[in-house]
Amino acid sequence: MGPKPALLVVDIQNDFCPGGALGVPDGDAIIPRVNRTIALFERRGLPVLFTRDWHPRVTKHFKEFGGAWPAHCVQGAKGARFHGGLEMPKGALILSKGMDPDQDSYSAFQAFTDRGRDLESTLHELDVDELFVCGLATDYCVRATTLDGLRRGLAVRVIRDAIRGVDLKPGDSEIAIKEMRVNGAHFSESRGLGRFLRKG
């Protein structure tokens, strides 16, 4: 068995979906496409990993303590739970980020499993050399994760119709997409994704 691709589902949590503390416009609209992609990877026997923001109540990430954002995805709170429509496999591998109160931690490469393994180590253990990325939000965690993956020599393919952005400034998401592309990321739609998958 050689190196293989994995799917990374980024931060599809209640607080990042409409009605949440930091809701991404139409953030929940991507869920059917994400679920379809999860099912595809499961059928092919390929790894599926999930990240989540998992902030302490007091962190400099939040406006209240000098940061940029309203309080969101606080450990154990309803807003930090994965969206109920997300079809997560049993025993799904979850990596948590944002636990250090002194760091913003947008990238999944700053996330850890419950065993304390970071994403890079986890991918190495799984013999993964290519990441397929979907989730929230295009202009923050998806962008940071994609760029970090490329810096580490991974091939990265972003699922274009299975991401959504915050767009604090109009156009932020499009700028992020251009930046990812210029740095070597590929983009594909969720339908027909199977043709890009290699078996390990």
Protein backbone atom coordinates (compact mmCIF):
# COMPACT_ATOMS: atom_id res chain seq x y z
CA MET A 1 0.00 0.00 0.00
CA GLY A 2 1.41 3.36 -1.03
CA PRO A 3 0.59 6.89 0.12
CA LYS A 4 -3.05 7.87 -0.17
CA PRO A 5 -5.42 10.85 -0.04
CA ALA A 6 -7.52 11.82 2.99
CA LEU A 7 -10.55 14.05 3.43
CA LEU A 8 -10.29 16.87 5.97
CA VAL A 9 -13.62 18.35 7.09
CA VAL A 10 -12.94 21.74 8.69
CA ASP A 11 -15.01 23.18 11.55
CA ILE A 12 -18.63 22.43 10.55
CA GLN A 13 -19.88 23.43 13.99
CA ASN A 14 -23.10 25.04 15.19
CA ASP A 15 -21.49 28.40 15.93
CA PHE A 16 -20.20 28.68 12.35
CA CYS A 17 -23.58 27.89 10.80
CA PRO A 18 -26.53 30.31 10.43
CA GLY A 19 -27.94 31.17 13.86
CA GLY A 20 -24.60 30.50 15.57
CA ALA A 21 -22.40 33.00 17.40
CA LEU A 22 -20.22 33.44 14.30
CA GLY A 23 -22.50 32.13 11.58
CA VAL A 24 -21.09 31.92 8.06
CA PRO A 25 -23.72 32.95 5.49
CA ASP A 26 -25.13 29.73 3.98
CA GLY A 27 -22.58 27.77 6.00
CA ASP A 28 -25.00 24.86 6.42
CA ALA A 29 -25.74 24.76 2.66
CA ILE A 30 -22.50 22.84 2.07
CA ILE A 31 -23.43 19.96 4.40
CA PRO A 32 -25.14 17.71 1.78
CA ARG A 33 -22.06 18.01 -0.44
CA VAL A 34 -19.74 17.34 2.47
CA ASN A 35 -21.80 14.27 3.44
CA ARG A 36 -21.66 12.98 -0.12
CA THR A 37 -17.87 13.39 -0.10
CA ILE A 38 -17.52 11.68 3.29
CA ALA A 39 -19.52 8.73 1.91
CA LEU A 40 -17.27 8.59 -1.17
CA PHE A 41 -14.09 8.43 0.93
CA GLU A 42 -15.67 5.84 3.23
CA ARG A 43 -16.60 3.63 0.26
CA ARG A 44 -13.02 3.84 -1.02
CA GLY A 45 -11.61 2.97 2.41
CA LEU A 46 -9.80 6.30 2.65
CA PRO A 47 -9.29 8.32 5.86
CA VAL A 48 -11.74 11.05 6.89
CA LEU A 49 -10.67 13.54 9.56
CA PHE A 50 -12.66 16.31 11.25
CA THR A 51 -11.39 19.47 12.91
CA ARG A 52 -13.19 21.68 15.40
CA ASP A 53 -12.57 24.94 17.19
CA TRP A 54 -12.45 24.06 20.88
CA HIS A 55 -11.79 27.29 22.75
CA PRO A 56 -11.48 27.83 26.49
CA ARG A 57 -13.93 30.37 27.91
CA VAL A 58 -11.10 32.88 28.38
CA THR A 59 -8.87 33.33 25.32
CA LYS A 60 -7.32 36.30 23.59
CA HIS A 61 -9.01 35.02 20.42
CA PHE A 62 -12.27 36.60 21.71
CA LYS A 63 -13.12 40.31 21.57
CA GLU A 64 -13.83 40.32 25.29
CA PHE A 65 -10.13 39.58 25.91
CA GLY A 66 -8.60 41.70 23.14
CA GLY A 67 -9.16 39.47 20.11
CA ALA A 68 -11.07 39.85 16.85
CA TRP A 69 -14.06 37.55 17.37
CA PRO A 70 -17.18 37.20 19.51
CA ALA A 71 -17.08 34.20 21.86
CA HIS A 72 -17.70 30.99 19.88
CA CYS A 73 -17.10 27.22 20.00
CA VAL A 74 -16.43 27.24 23.75
CA GLN A 75 -15.43 23.77 24.96
CA GLY A 76 -18.49 21.71 25.86
CA ALA A 77 -21.04 24.32 24.74
CA LYS A 78 -23.81 23.62 22.21
CA GLY A 79 -22.20 26.03 19.74
CA ALA A 80 -19.02 23.95 19.72
CA ARG A 81 -20.84 20.76 18.70
CA PHE A 82 -20.66 19.53 15.14
CA HIS A 83 -23.74 20.49 13.12
CA GLY A 84 -26.48 17.89 13.55
CA GLY A 85 -26.78 17.41 9.79
CA LEU A 86 -23.15 16.34 9.42
CA GLU A 87 -22.97 12.57 8.87
CA MET A 88 -19.87 11.64 10.83
CA PRO A 89 -18.70 8.03 10.67
CA LYS A 90 -18.62 6.08 13.93
CA GLY A 91 -15.27 6.45 15.61
CA ALA A 92 -14.44 9.48 13.45
CA LEU A 93 -11.00 10.96 14.02
CA ILE A 94 -11.47 14.44 15.52
CA LEU A 95 -8.73 17.03 15.97
CA SER A 96 -9.30 20.06 18.19
CA LYS A 97 -7.67 23.48 17.85
CA GLY A 98 -7.81 26.86 19.55
CA MET A 99 -7.22 25.39 23.00
CA ASP A 100 -4.20 27.59 23.72
CA PRO A 101 -5.61 30.86 25.13
CA ASP A 102 -2.63 32.78 23.74
CA GLN A 103 -2.97 31.68 20.09
CA ASP A 104 -5.58 32.18 17.36
CA SER A 105 -4.99 28.74 15.74
CA TYR A 106 -6.81 28.98 12.40
CA SER A 107 -4.94 26.10 10.77
CA ALA A 108 -5.81 22.43 11.22
CA PHE A 109 -2.06 21.90 11.52
CA GLN A 110 -2.41 23.50 14.97
CA ALA A 111 -5.01 20.89 15.95
CA PHE A 112 -4.55 17.76 18.07
CA THR A 113 -6.26 14.41 18.54
CA ASP A 114 -7.43 13.37 22.00
CA ARG A 115 -4.13 11.44 22.21
CA GLY A 116 -2.21 14.68 21.73
CA ARG A 117 -1.05 13.90 18.16
CA ASP A 118 -0.97 16.86 15.80
CA LEU A 119 -2.38 16.72 12.27
CA GLU A 120 1.00 16.37 10.56
CA SER A 121 1.94 13.35 12.72
CA THR A 122 -1.52 11.85 12.23
CA LEU A 123 -1.29 12.13 8.43
CA HIS A 124 2.17 10.57 8.54
CA GLU A 125 0.86 7.65 10.60
CA LEU A 126 -1.97 7.17 8.07
CA ASP A 127 0.51 7.37 5.14
CA VAL A 128 -1.40 10.33 3.63
CA ASP A 129 0.29 12.54 1.02
CA GLU A 130 -2.74 14.40 -0.36
CA LEU A 131 -5.50 16.35 1.41
CA PHE A 132 -8.99 17.04 0.10
CA VAL A 133 -10.30 20.00 2.11
CA CYS A 134 -13.88 21.18 2.70
CA GLY A 135 -15.71 23.10 5.41
CA LEU A 136 -15.70 26.52 7.09
CA ALA A 137 -14.56 29.14 6.60
CA THR A 138 -12.92 29.75 3.22
CA ASP A 139 -11.10 32.93 4.23
CA TYR A 140 -9.83 31.73 7.61
CA CYS A 141 -9.47 28.08 8.64
CA VAL A 142 -9.79 26.55 5.16
CA ARG A 143 -7.25 29.06 3.81
CA ALA A 144 -4.78 28.62 6.68
CA THR A 145 -5.05 24.82 6.59
CA THR A 146 -4.56 24.65 2.81
CA LEU A 147 -1.53 26.94 2.84
CA ASP A 148 0.04 25.03 5.75
CA GLY A 149 -0.53 21.73 3.96
CA LEU A 150 1.15 23.03 0.81
CA ARG A 151 4.10 24.34 2.85
CA ARG A 152 4.53 20.84 4.24
CA GLY A 153 4.76 19.34 0.77
CA LEU A 154 1.30 17.81 0.63
CA ALA A 155 -0.85 17.94 -2.49
CA VAL A 156 -4.03 19.83 -1.56
CA ARG A 157 -7.34 19.83 -3.42
CA VAL A 158 -10.07 22.16 -2.14
CA ILE A 159 -13.68 21.15 -2.81
CA ARG A 160 -14.93 24.44 -4.22
CA ASP A 161 -18.69 23.94 -3.72
CA ALA A 162 -18.20 22.54 -0.19
CA ILE A 163 -16.61 25.65 1.39
CA ARG A 164 -18.12 28.98 2.49
CA GLY A 165 -16.49 32.18 3.71
CA VAL A 166 -17.08 34.79 6.39
CA ASP A 167 -16.29 37.75 4.09
CA LEU A 168 -15.84 40.30 6.87
CA LYS A 169 -14.72 42.49 3.99
CA PRO A 170 -16.55 41.75 0.74
CA GLY A 171 -14.33 39.67 -1.52
CA ASP A 172 -12.20 38.12 1.27
CA SER A 173 -13.15 34.60 0.18
CA GLU A 174 -12.26 35.20 -3.46
CA ILE A 175 -8.92 36.66 -2.40
CA ALA A 176 -8.30 33.57 -0.24
CA ILE A 177 -9.17 31.24 -3.15
CA LYS A 178 -6.74 33.07 -5.43
CA GLU A 179 -4.02 32.88 -2.77
CA MET A 180 -4.53 29.13 -2.31
CA ARG A 181 -4.47 28.57 -6.06
CA VAL A 182 -1.30 30.67 -6.60
CA ASN A 183 0.42 28.61 -3.89
CA GLY A 184 -0.40 25.33 -5.63
CA ALA A 185 -3.83 24.20 -4.42
CA HIS A 186 -6.16 22.51 -6.90
CA PHE A 187 -9.91 23.09 -6.90
CA SER A 188 -12.68 20.66 -7.82
CA GLU A 189 -16.44 20.36 -7.39
CA SER A 190 -17.89 17.67 -5.13
CA ARG A 191 -19.61 15.88 -7.99
CA GLY A 192 -17.21 13.75 -10.01
CA LEU A 193 -14.57 13.92 -7.29
CA GLY A 194 -14.00 10.17 -7.47
CA ARG A 195 -11.85 10.47 -10.57
CA PHE A 196 -9.23 12.36 -8.54
CA LEU A 197 -8.92 9.67 -5.86
CA ARG A 198 -6.00 7.27 -5.85
CA LYS A 199 -6.13 4.11 -3.80
CA GLY A 200 -3.36 3.61 -1.30
